[in-house]
N, C-alpha and C. Protein backbone atom coordinates (compact mmCIF):
# COMPACT_ATOMS: atom_id res chain seq x y z
N MET A 1 -25.41 -33.62 64.78
CA MET A 1 -24.75 -32.59 64.04
C MET A 1 -23.35 -32.36 64.48
N LYS A 2 -22.50 -31.94 63.64
CA LYS A 2 -21.15 -31.78 63.95
C LYS A 2 -20.85 -30.37 64.49
N PRO A 3 -19.75 -30.22 65.23
CA PRO A 3 -19.49 -28.85 65.80
C PRO A 3 -19.29 -27.79 64.72
N LEU A 4 -18.88 -28.14 63.55
CA LEU A 4 -18.74 -27.13 62.47
C LEU A 4 -20.04 -26.48 62.12
N SER A 5 -21.14 -27.27 62.18
CA SER A 5 -22.42 -26.67 61.89
C SER A 5 -22.84 -25.67 63.02
N GLY A 6 -22.30 -25.86 64.21
CA GLY A 6 -22.55 -24.88 65.26
C GLY A 6 -21.98 -23.53 64.92
N TYR A 7 -20.78 -23.54 64.37
CA TYR A 7 -20.14 -22.29 63.94
C TYR A 7 -20.83 -21.66 62.76
N ILE A 8 -21.41 -22.45 61.93
CA ILE A 8 -22.19 -21.93 60.83
C ILE A 8 -23.46 -21.26 61.33
N PHE A 9 -24.12 -21.89 62.34
CA PHE A 9 -25.29 -21.25 62.92
C PHE A 9 -24.91 -20.02 63.67
N LEU A 10 -23.76 -19.98 64.31
CA LEU A 10 -23.27 -18.78 64.96
C LEU A 10 -22.99 -17.64 63.96
N ALA A 11 -22.42 -17.95 62.82
CA ALA A 11 -22.21 -16.94 61.82
C ALA A 11 -23.51 -16.41 61.29
N LEU A 12 -24.55 -17.32 61.13
CA LEU A 12 -25.85 -16.88 60.69
C LEU A 12 -26.49 -15.96 61.73
N ALA A 13 -26.37 -16.32 63.02
CA ALA A 13 -26.88 -15.48 64.09
C ALA A 13 -26.21 -14.08 64.13
N ILE A 14 -24.91 -14.06 63.95
CA ILE A 14 -24.21 -12.77 64.04
C ILE A 14 -24.62 -11.89 62.84
N SER A 15 -24.63 -12.47 61.64
CA SER A 15 -24.97 -11.63 60.45
C SER A 15 -26.42 -11.16 60.50
N THR A 16 -27.33 -12.01 60.87
CA THR A 16 -28.73 -11.58 60.97
C THR A 16 -28.95 -10.62 62.14
N GLY A 17 -28.18 -10.75 63.19
CA GLY A 17 -28.32 -9.81 64.34
C GLY A 17 -27.83 -8.44 63.92
N ILE A 18 -26.81 -8.38 63.15
CA ILE A 18 -26.35 -7.03 62.63
C ILE A 18 -27.41 -6.42 61.74
N ALA A 19 -27.97 -7.29 60.82
CA ALA A 19 -29.02 -6.77 59.92
C ALA A 19 -30.25 -6.32 60.73
N ALA A 20 -30.65 -7.06 61.77
CA ALA A 20 -31.79 -6.71 62.56
C ALA A 20 -31.55 -5.37 63.28
N ASN A 21 -30.38 -5.14 63.79
CA ASN A 21 -30.10 -3.86 64.43
C ASN A 21 -30.09 -2.71 63.43
N SER A 22 -29.62 -2.98 62.25
CA SER A 22 -29.62 -1.95 61.22
C SER A 22 -31.04 -1.58 60.81
N PHE A 23 -31.85 -2.60 60.64
CA PHE A 23 -33.24 -2.30 60.27
C PHE A 23 -34.01 -1.66 61.40
N ALA A 24 -33.68 -2.01 62.61
CA ALA A 24 -34.32 -1.38 63.76
C ALA A 24 -34.00 0.10 63.80
N LYS A 25 -32.77 0.45 63.46
CA LYS A 25 -32.36 1.86 63.49
C LYS A 25 -33.09 2.67 62.40
N ILE A 26 -33.23 2.08 61.22
CA ILE A 26 -33.88 2.86 60.12
C ILE A 26 -35.39 2.83 60.19
N SER A 27 -35.96 2.04 61.13
CA SER A 27 -37.42 1.94 61.22
C SER A 27 -38.01 3.09 61.97
N ASP A 28 -37.15 4.01 62.53
CA ASP A 28 -37.61 5.20 63.24
C ASP A 28 -38.55 4.86 64.33
N GLY A 29 -38.08 4.05 65.34
CA GLY A 29 -38.90 3.69 66.48
C GLY A 29 -40.05 2.73 66.09
N PHE A 30 -39.80 1.87 65.10
CA PHE A 30 -40.80 0.91 64.58
C PHE A 30 -42.02 1.64 64.04
N SER A 31 -41.85 2.77 63.44
CA SER A 31 -42.95 3.54 62.84
C SER A 31 -43.06 3.28 61.37
N LYS A 32 -42.00 2.75 60.73
CA LYS A 32 -42.04 2.37 59.29
C LYS A 32 -42.25 0.88 59.17
N LEU A 33 -43.25 0.47 58.38
CA LEU A 33 -43.68 -0.90 58.39
C LEU A 33 -42.63 -1.86 57.82
N THR A 34 -42.10 -1.60 56.68
CA THR A 34 -41.16 -2.56 56.04
C THR A 34 -39.89 -2.78 56.88
N PRO A 35 -39.21 -1.80 57.35
CA PRO A 35 -38.05 -2.04 58.16
C PRO A 35 -38.42 -2.68 59.49
N THR A 36 -39.59 -2.42 60.03
CA THR A 36 -40.01 -3.06 61.26
C THR A 36 -40.18 -4.57 61.05
N ILE A 37 -40.88 -4.92 60.00
CA ILE A 37 -41.10 -6.34 59.71
C ILE A 37 -39.78 -7.07 59.48
N LEU A 38 -38.87 -6.43 58.73
CA LEU A 38 -37.58 -7.05 58.47
C LEU A 38 -36.75 -7.17 59.78
N SER A 39 -36.81 -6.16 60.61
CA SER A 39 -36.06 -6.18 61.87
C SER A 39 -36.57 -7.33 62.76
N ILE A 40 -37.87 -7.47 62.90
CA ILE A 40 -38.42 -8.53 63.73
C ILE A 40 -38.12 -9.90 63.16
N SER A 41 -38.19 -10.03 61.81
CA SER A 41 -37.91 -11.27 61.22
C SER A 41 -36.46 -11.69 61.39
N PHE A 42 -35.55 -10.74 61.20
CA PHE A 42 -34.14 -11.06 61.42
C PHE A 42 -33.85 -11.30 62.93
N MET A 43 -34.56 -10.69 63.81
CA MET A 43 -34.34 -11.01 65.25
C MET A 43 -34.76 -12.45 65.53
N CYS A 44 -35.85 -12.90 64.95
CA CYS A 44 -36.28 -14.31 65.11
C CYS A 44 -35.23 -15.28 64.58
N ILE A 45 -34.72 -14.96 63.37
CA ILE A 45 -33.69 -15.79 62.80
C ILE A 45 -32.42 -15.82 63.64
N THR A 46 -32.08 -14.65 64.19
CA THR A 46 -30.91 -14.53 65.13
C THR A 46 -31.10 -15.47 66.35
N MET A 47 -32.23 -15.42 66.95
CA MET A 47 -32.46 -16.21 68.14
C MET A 47 -32.46 -17.74 67.81
N TYR A 48 -33.00 -18.08 66.68
CA TYR A 48 -32.97 -19.49 66.26
C TYR A 48 -31.52 -19.93 66.00
N GLY A 49 -30.75 -19.17 65.26
CA GLY A 49 -29.34 -19.50 65.03
C GLY A 49 -28.56 -19.58 66.32
N LEU A 50 -28.78 -18.62 67.22
CA LEU A 50 -28.11 -18.68 68.46
C LEU A 50 -28.43 -19.90 69.35
N ALA A 51 -29.71 -20.25 69.36
CA ALA A 51 -30.12 -21.45 70.10
C ALA A 51 -29.50 -22.72 69.53
N LYS A 52 -29.49 -22.80 68.17
CA LYS A 52 -28.84 -23.94 67.60
C LYS A 52 -27.35 -24.01 67.81
N ALA A 53 -26.70 -22.88 67.72
CA ALA A 53 -25.28 -22.78 68.00
C ALA A 53 -24.90 -23.17 69.42
N MET A 54 -25.71 -22.67 70.38
CA MET A 54 -25.46 -22.99 71.78
C MET A 54 -25.64 -24.50 72.12
N SER A 55 -26.41 -25.18 71.27
CA SER A 55 -26.59 -26.60 71.54
C SER A 55 -25.36 -27.42 71.05
N MET A 56 -24.50 -26.83 70.24
CA MET A 56 -23.39 -27.50 69.62
C MET A 56 -22.02 -27.07 70.09
N ILE A 57 -21.92 -25.80 70.45
CA ILE A 57 -20.61 -25.26 70.91
C ILE A 57 -20.79 -24.62 72.29
N PRO A 58 -19.70 -24.33 73.04
CA PRO A 58 -19.87 -23.82 74.35
C PRO A 58 -20.63 -22.48 74.42
N VAL A 59 -21.48 -22.37 75.43
CA VAL A 59 -22.37 -21.20 75.56
C VAL A 59 -21.56 -19.91 75.75
N GLY A 60 -20.49 -19.94 76.56
CA GLY A 60 -19.64 -18.79 76.79
C GLY A 60 -19.05 -18.24 75.56
N PHE A 61 -18.50 -19.16 74.69
CA PHE A 61 -17.91 -18.76 73.43
C PHE A 61 -18.94 -18.14 72.48
N THR A 62 -20.13 -18.76 72.44
CA THR A 62 -21.18 -18.29 71.58
C THR A 62 -21.63 -16.89 71.99
N TYR A 63 -21.84 -16.69 73.27
CA TYR A 63 -22.30 -15.40 73.77
C TYR A 63 -21.25 -14.29 73.56
N ALA A 64 -19.98 -14.67 73.78
CA ALA A 64 -18.90 -13.68 73.60
C ALA A 64 -18.79 -13.26 72.18
N CYS A 65 -18.90 -14.19 71.23
CA CYS A 65 -18.80 -13.82 69.80
C CYS A 65 -19.98 -12.95 69.41
N LEU A 66 -21.17 -13.30 69.87
CA LEU A 66 -22.34 -12.45 69.54
C LEU A 66 -22.27 -11.08 70.16
N LEU A 67 -21.79 -11.00 71.36
CA LEU A 67 -21.74 -9.73 72.10
C LEU A 67 -20.71 -8.77 71.44
N TYR A 68 -19.56 -9.30 71.08
CA TYR A 68 -18.50 -8.43 70.56
C TYR A 68 -18.60 -8.15 69.08
N THR A 69 -19.51 -8.76 68.36
CA THR A 69 -19.61 -8.48 66.96
C THR A 69 -20.95 -7.73 66.57
N SER A 70 -21.92 -7.77 67.50
CA SER A 70 -23.16 -7.08 67.22
C SER A 70 -23.08 -5.64 67.67
N PRO A 71 -23.57 -4.72 66.83
CA PRO A 71 -23.56 -3.32 67.22
C PRO A 71 -24.66 -3.03 68.23
N SER A 72 -24.45 -2.04 69.03
CA SER A 72 -25.39 -1.63 70.03
C SER A 72 -25.73 -0.14 69.83
N PRO A 73 -26.99 0.23 69.98
CA PRO A 73 -27.27 1.66 69.78
C PRO A 73 -26.55 2.55 70.81
N ARG A 74 -26.16 2.01 71.96
CA ARG A 74 -25.44 2.81 72.94
C ARG A 74 -24.03 3.07 72.54
N ASP A 75 -23.46 2.25 71.67
CA ASP A 75 -22.05 2.35 71.32
C ASP A 75 -21.86 3.13 69.98
N ARG A 76 -22.19 4.41 69.98
CA ARG A 76 -22.07 5.15 68.73
C ARG A 76 -20.64 5.54 68.44
N THR A 77 -19.87 5.83 69.48
CA THR A 77 -18.50 6.24 69.24
C THR A 77 -17.49 5.31 69.82
N ARG A 78 -17.85 4.53 70.78
CA ARG A 78 -16.95 3.58 71.42
C ARG A 78 -17.10 2.22 70.87
N SER A 79 -16.05 1.44 70.83
CA SER A 79 -16.05 0.05 70.45
C SER A 79 -15.93 -0.81 71.72
N ARG A 80 -16.56 -1.98 71.71
CA ARG A 80 -16.43 -2.88 72.85
C ARG A 80 -15.20 -3.77 72.65
N MET A 81 -14.56 -3.69 71.53
CA MET A 81 -13.39 -4.51 71.22
C MET A 81 -12.22 -3.96 72.02
N PRO A 82 -11.36 -4.81 72.58
CA PRO A 82 -10.18 -4.32 73.30
C PRO A 82 -9.26 -3.62 72.31
N SER A 83 -8.59 -2.61 72.79
CA SER A 83 -7.70 -1.81 71.97
C SER A 83 -6.44 -2.63 71.69
N SER A 84 -5.95 -2.53 70.45
CA SER A 84 -4.71 -3.30 70.09
C SER A 84 -3.50 -2.50 70.47
N ALA A 85 -3.64 -1.22 70.83
CA ALA A 85 -2.47 -0.39 71.13
C ALA A 85 -2.12 -0.52 72.64
């Protein structure tokens, strides 16, 4: 596979990771069935995409992209992105 497909898998991992976190938040502690199933499914797709991306592009770049684009429940008011000012 070509390196471009690694970036496609990385984009898939990032977008499904964001969706998984969103569904995890609305599942109310995994007490609602449908958001729980969707969250776990998207988490599995995220891990698959991340594994495929790491096999084609550098691990450090892959991890940094995933870390800085995925929301975290701890970061409600702060952003992990460096300030542009």
